[in-house]
Amino acid sequence: MPELNAEPSIIDVPGGKVIAEHVGRVATGSTAMSVAHMKAPAGWSEPAQRPDFDEVTLVVAGTVLVEHDGGTTEVHAGQSIVTRAGERVRYSTGNAGAEYVAICTPAFAPDTVHREDEA
């Protein structure tokens, strides 16, 4: 039977980003997949990471910058990017911030993202 998730779980993170998890470990107990709606302010960034999951980032508004071993890819509204488990990536936003949806398989977990320490 279909399951409506009318109230996503809000996950507090530093830096002003708002995470609303619709499916995942926090919202539904799912370890197979997570789906989160993110809103990040202008100039937001997080440390580089080498996660144990694949991630699809679908940008709804603004621009997400994805730094990787091959350079930096700008992902604009209406575009998406797929990053694979084990790839070193770093996410940040452009001057206008960004709104995006992140889909992770298996589900995101703090102990599987492997963020680097900020220097």
C-alpha atoms as a PDB file:
ATOM      1  CA  MET A   1       0.000   0.000   0.000  1.00  0.00           C
ATOM      2  CA  PRO A   2       1.358   3.487  -0.777  1.00  0.00           C
ATOM      3  CA  GLU A   3       2.664   5.478   2.175  1.00  0.00           C
ATOM      4  CA  LEU A   4       2.152   9.239   2.272  1.00  0.00           C
ATOM      5  CA  ASN A   5       4.871  11.183   4.065  1.00  0.00           C
ATOM      6  CA  ALA A   6       3.102  14.488   4.683  1.00  0.00           C
ATOM      7  CA  GLU A   7       5.591  15.703   7.294  1.00  0.00           C
ATOM      8  CA  PRO A   8       9.274  15.238   6.403  1.00  0.00           C
ATOM      9  CA  SER A   9      11.815  15.077   9.216  1.00  0.00           C
ATOM     10  CA  ILE A  10      13.788  18.308   9.584  1.00  0.00           C
ATOM     11  CA  ILE A  11      17.469  17.626  10.243  1.00  0.00           C
ATOM     12  CA  ASP A  12      19.507  20.395  11.840  1.00  0.00           C
ATOM     13  CA  VAL A  13      22.920  21.054  10.325  1.00  0.00           C
ATOM     14  CA  PRO A  14      25.370  23.948  10.711  1.00  0.00           C
ATOM     15  CA  GLY A  15      25.813  26.633   8.074  1.00  0.00           C
ATOM     16  CA  GLY A  16      22.186  27.580   7.517  1.00  0.00           C
ATOM     17  CA  LYS A  17      21.243  24.650   5.263  1.00  0.00           C
ATOM     18  CA  VAL A  18      17.794  23.165   5.871  1.00  0.00           C
ATOM     19  CA  ILE A  19      17.327  19.428   5.266  1.00  0.00           C
ATOM     20  CA  ALA A  20      13.823  17.968   5.008  1.00  0.00           C
ATOM     21  CA  GLU A  21      14.174  14.183   4.769  1.00  0.00           C
ATOM     22  CA  HIS A  22      11.147  12.539   3.152  1.00  0.00           C
ATOM     23  CA  VAL A  23      12.547   9.000   3.000  1.00  0.00           C
ATOM     24  CA  GLY A  24      15.545   7.662   4.873  1.00  0.00           C
ATOM     25  CA  ARG A  25      16.929   6.520   8.187  1.00  0.00           C
ATOM     26  CA  VAL A  26      15.439   9.434  10.167  1.00  0.00           C
ATOM     27  CA  ALA A  27      12.092   9.935   8.392  1.00  0.00           C
ATOM     28  CA  THR A  28      11.020   6.369   7.623  1.00  0.00           C
ATOM     29  CA  GLY A  29      13.721   4.015   8.893  1.00  0.00           C
ATOM     30  CA  SER A  30      14.726   3.104   5.331  1.00  0.00           C
ATOM     31  CA  THR A  31      18.331   2.007   4.869  1.00  0.00           C
ATOM     32  CA  ALA A  32      17.902   1.291   1.148  1.00  0.00           C
ATOM     33  CA  MET A  33      17.386   4.877  -0.013  1.00  0.00           C
ATOM     34  CA  SER A  34      17.077   8.432   1.233  1.00  0.00           C
ATOM     35  CA  VAL A  35      15.322  11.375  -0.398  1.00  0.00           C
ATOM     36  CA  ALA A  36      15.855  14.838   1.047  1.00  0.00           C
ATOM     37  CA  HIS A  37      14.771  18.319  -0.011  1.00  0.00           C
ATOM     38  CA  MET A  38      17.565  20.802   0.733  1.00  0.00           C
ATOM     39  CA  LYS A  39      17.700  24.585   0.890  1.00  0.00           C
ATOM     40  CA  ALA A  40      21.192  26.070   1.177  1.00  0.00           C
ATOM     41  CA  PRO A  41      21.974  29.786   1.514  1.00  0.00           C
ATOM     42  CA  ALA A  42      24.320  31.772  -0.732  1.00  0.00           C
ATOM     43  CA  GLY A  43      27.952  30.899  -0.114  1.00  0.00           C
ATOM     44  CA  TRP A  44      27.171  27.674   1.770  1.00  0.00           C
ATOM     45  CA  SER A  45      29.730  24.844   1.642  1.00  0.00           C
ATOM     46  CA  GLU A  46      30.563  21.651   3.459  1.00  0.00           C
ATOM     47  CA  PRO A  47      33.777  19.656   3.843  1.00  0.00           C
ATOM     48  CA  ALA A  48      34.834  17.240   1.116  1.00  0.00           C
ATOM     49  CA  GLN A  49      33.511  13.730   1.511  1.00  0.00           C
ATOM     50  CA  ARG A  50      34.022  10.236   0.121  1.00  0.00           C
ATOM     51  CA  PRO A  51      30.647   8.572   0.792  1.00  0.00           C
ATOM     52  CA  ASP A  52      29.718   4.900   0.729  1.00  0.00           C
ATOM     53  CA  PHE A  53      26.591   5.672  -1.332  1.00  0.00           C
ATOM     54  CA  ASP A  54      25.653   6.890  -4.803  1.00  0.00           C
ATOM     55  CA  GLU A  55      23.934  10.285  -4.841  1.00  0.00           C
ATOM     56  CA  VAL A  56      21.710  11.990  -7.394  1.00  0.00           C
ATOM     57  CA  THR A  57      21.465  15.757  -6.877  1.00  0.00           C
ATOM     58  CA  LEU A  58      18.569  17.414  -8.737  1.00  0.00           C
ATOM     59  CA  VAL A  59      18.756  21.206  -8.588  1.00  0.00           C
ATOM     60  CA  VAL A  60      15.377  22.948  -8.356  1.00  0.00           C
ATOM     61  CA  ALA A  61      16.607  26.552  -8.004  1.00  0.00           C
ATOM     62  CA  GLY A  62      19.987  28.283  -7.984  1.00  0.00           C
ATOM     63  CA  THR A  63      23.300  26.513  -8.559  1.00  0.00           C
ATOM     64  CA  VAL A  64      25.115  23.715  -6.730  1.00  0.00           C
ATOM     65  CA  LEU A  65      28.879  23.507  -7.255  1.00  0.00           C
ATOM     66  CA  VAL A  66      30.323  19.993  -7.092  1.00  0.00           C
ATOM     67  CA  GLU A  67      34.095  19.811  -6.691  1.00  0.00           C
ATOM     68  CA  HIS A  68      35.643  16.472  -7.683  1.00  0.00           C
ATOM     69  CA  ASP A  69      38.986  15.062  -8.795  1.00  0.00           C
ATOM     70  CA  GLY A  70      38.314  16.243 -12.371  1.00  0.00           C
ATOM     71  CA  GLY A  71      37.497  19.853 -11.437  1.00  0.00           C
ATOM     72  CA  THR A  72      34.263  21.611 -10.510  1.00  0.00           C
ATOM     73  CA  THR A  73      30.888  21.045 -12.136  1.00  0.00           C
ATOM     74  CA  GLU A  74      28.192  23.732 -11.927  1.00  0.00           C
ATOM     75  CA  VAL A  75      24.743  22.173 -11.662  1.00  0.00           C
ATOM     76  CA  HIS A  76      21.996  24.686 -12.475  1.00  0.00           C
ATOM     77  CA  ALA A  77      18.241  24.631 -11.898  1.00  0.00           C
ATOM     78  CA  GLY A  78      16.678  21.869 -13.983  1.00  0.00           C
ATOM     79  CA  GLN A  79      19.922  19.859 -14.121  1.00  0.00           C
ATOM     80  CA  SER A  80      21.138  16.889 -12.108  1.00  0.00           C
ATOM     81  CA  ILE A  81      24.428  15.206 -11.326  1.00  0.00           C
ATOM     82  CA  VAL A  82      25.207  11.652 -10.225  1.00  0.00           C
ATOM     83  CA  THR A  83      28.144  10.968  -7.928  1.00  0.00           C
ATOM     84  CA  ARG A  84      29.264   7.424  -7.177  1.00  0.00           C
ATOM     85  CA  ALA A  85      30.198   5.761  -3.924  1.00  0.00           C
ATOM     86  CA  GLY A  86      33.891   6.218  -3.171  1.00  0.00           C
ATOM     87  CA  GLU A  87      34.300   9.421  -5.229  1.00  0.00           C
ATOM     88  CA  ARG A  88      35.715  12.433  -3.394  1.00  0.00           C
ATOM     89  CA  VAL A  89      33.260  15.318  -3.751  1.00  0.00           C
ATOM     90  CA  ARG A  90      32.581  18.663  -2.095  1.00  0.00           C
ATOM     91  CA  TYR A  91      29.281  20.516  -2.386  1.00  0.00           C
ATOM     92  CA  SER A  92      28.755  24.285  -2.195  1.00  0.00           C
ATOM     93  CA  THR A  93      26.378  26.923  -3.559  1.00  0.00           C
ATOM     94  CA  GLY A  94      26.741  29.889  -5.824  1.00  0.00           C
ATOM     95  CA  ASN A  95      25.931  33.498  -5.010  1.00  0.00           C
ATOM     96  CA  ALA A  96      22.169  32.925  -4.960  1.00  0.00           C
ATOM     97  CA  GLY A  97      22.128  29.751  -2.866  1.00  0.00           C
ATOM     98  CA  ALA A  98      20.288  26.663  -4.037  1.00  0.00           C
ATOM     99  CA  GLU A  99      17.295  24.442  -3.542  1.00  0.00           C
ATOM    100  CA  TYR A 100      17.801  20.814  -4.489  1.00  0.00           C
ATOM    101  CA  VAL A 101      16.751  17.219  -3.922  1.00  0.00           C
ATOM    102  CA  ALA A 102      19.324  14.603  -2.921  1.00  0.00           C
ATOM    103  CA  ILE A 103      18.619  10.905  -3.488  1.00  0.00           C
ATOM    104  CA  CYS A 104      21.115   8.490  -1.925  1.00  0.00           C
ATOM    105  CA  THR A 105      21.400   4.712  -2.357  1.00  0.00           C
ATOM    106  CA  PRO A 106      21.863   3.187   0.094  1.00  0.00           C
ATOM    107  CA  ALA A 107      20.398   5.779   2.464  1.00  0.00           C
ATOM    108  CA  PHE A 108      22.542   8.632   3.772  1.00  0.00           C
ATOM    109  CA  ALA A 109      24.018   8.115   7.229  1.00  0.00           C
ATOM    110  CA  PRO A 110      26.486  10.312   9.121  1.00  0.00           C
ATOM    111  CA  ASP A 111      28.861   7.359   9.545  1.00  0.00           C
ATOM    112  CA  THR A 112      28.900   6.515   5.815  1.00  0.00           C
ATOM    113  CA  VAL A 113      29.501  10.006   4.370  1.00  0.00           C
ATOM    114  CA  HIS A 114      33.159  10.160   5.512  1.00  0.00           C
ATOM    115  CA  ARG A 115      33.538  13.948   5.579  1.00  0.00           C
ATOM    116  CA  GLU A 116      37.046  15.339   5.795  1.00  0.00           C
ATOM    117  CA  ASP A 117      37.933  17.539   8.753  1.00  0.00           C
ATOM    118  CA  GLU A 118      37.691  21.240   7.997  1.00  0.00           C
ATOM    119  CA  ALA A 119      41.082  22.896   8.141  1.00  0.00           C
END
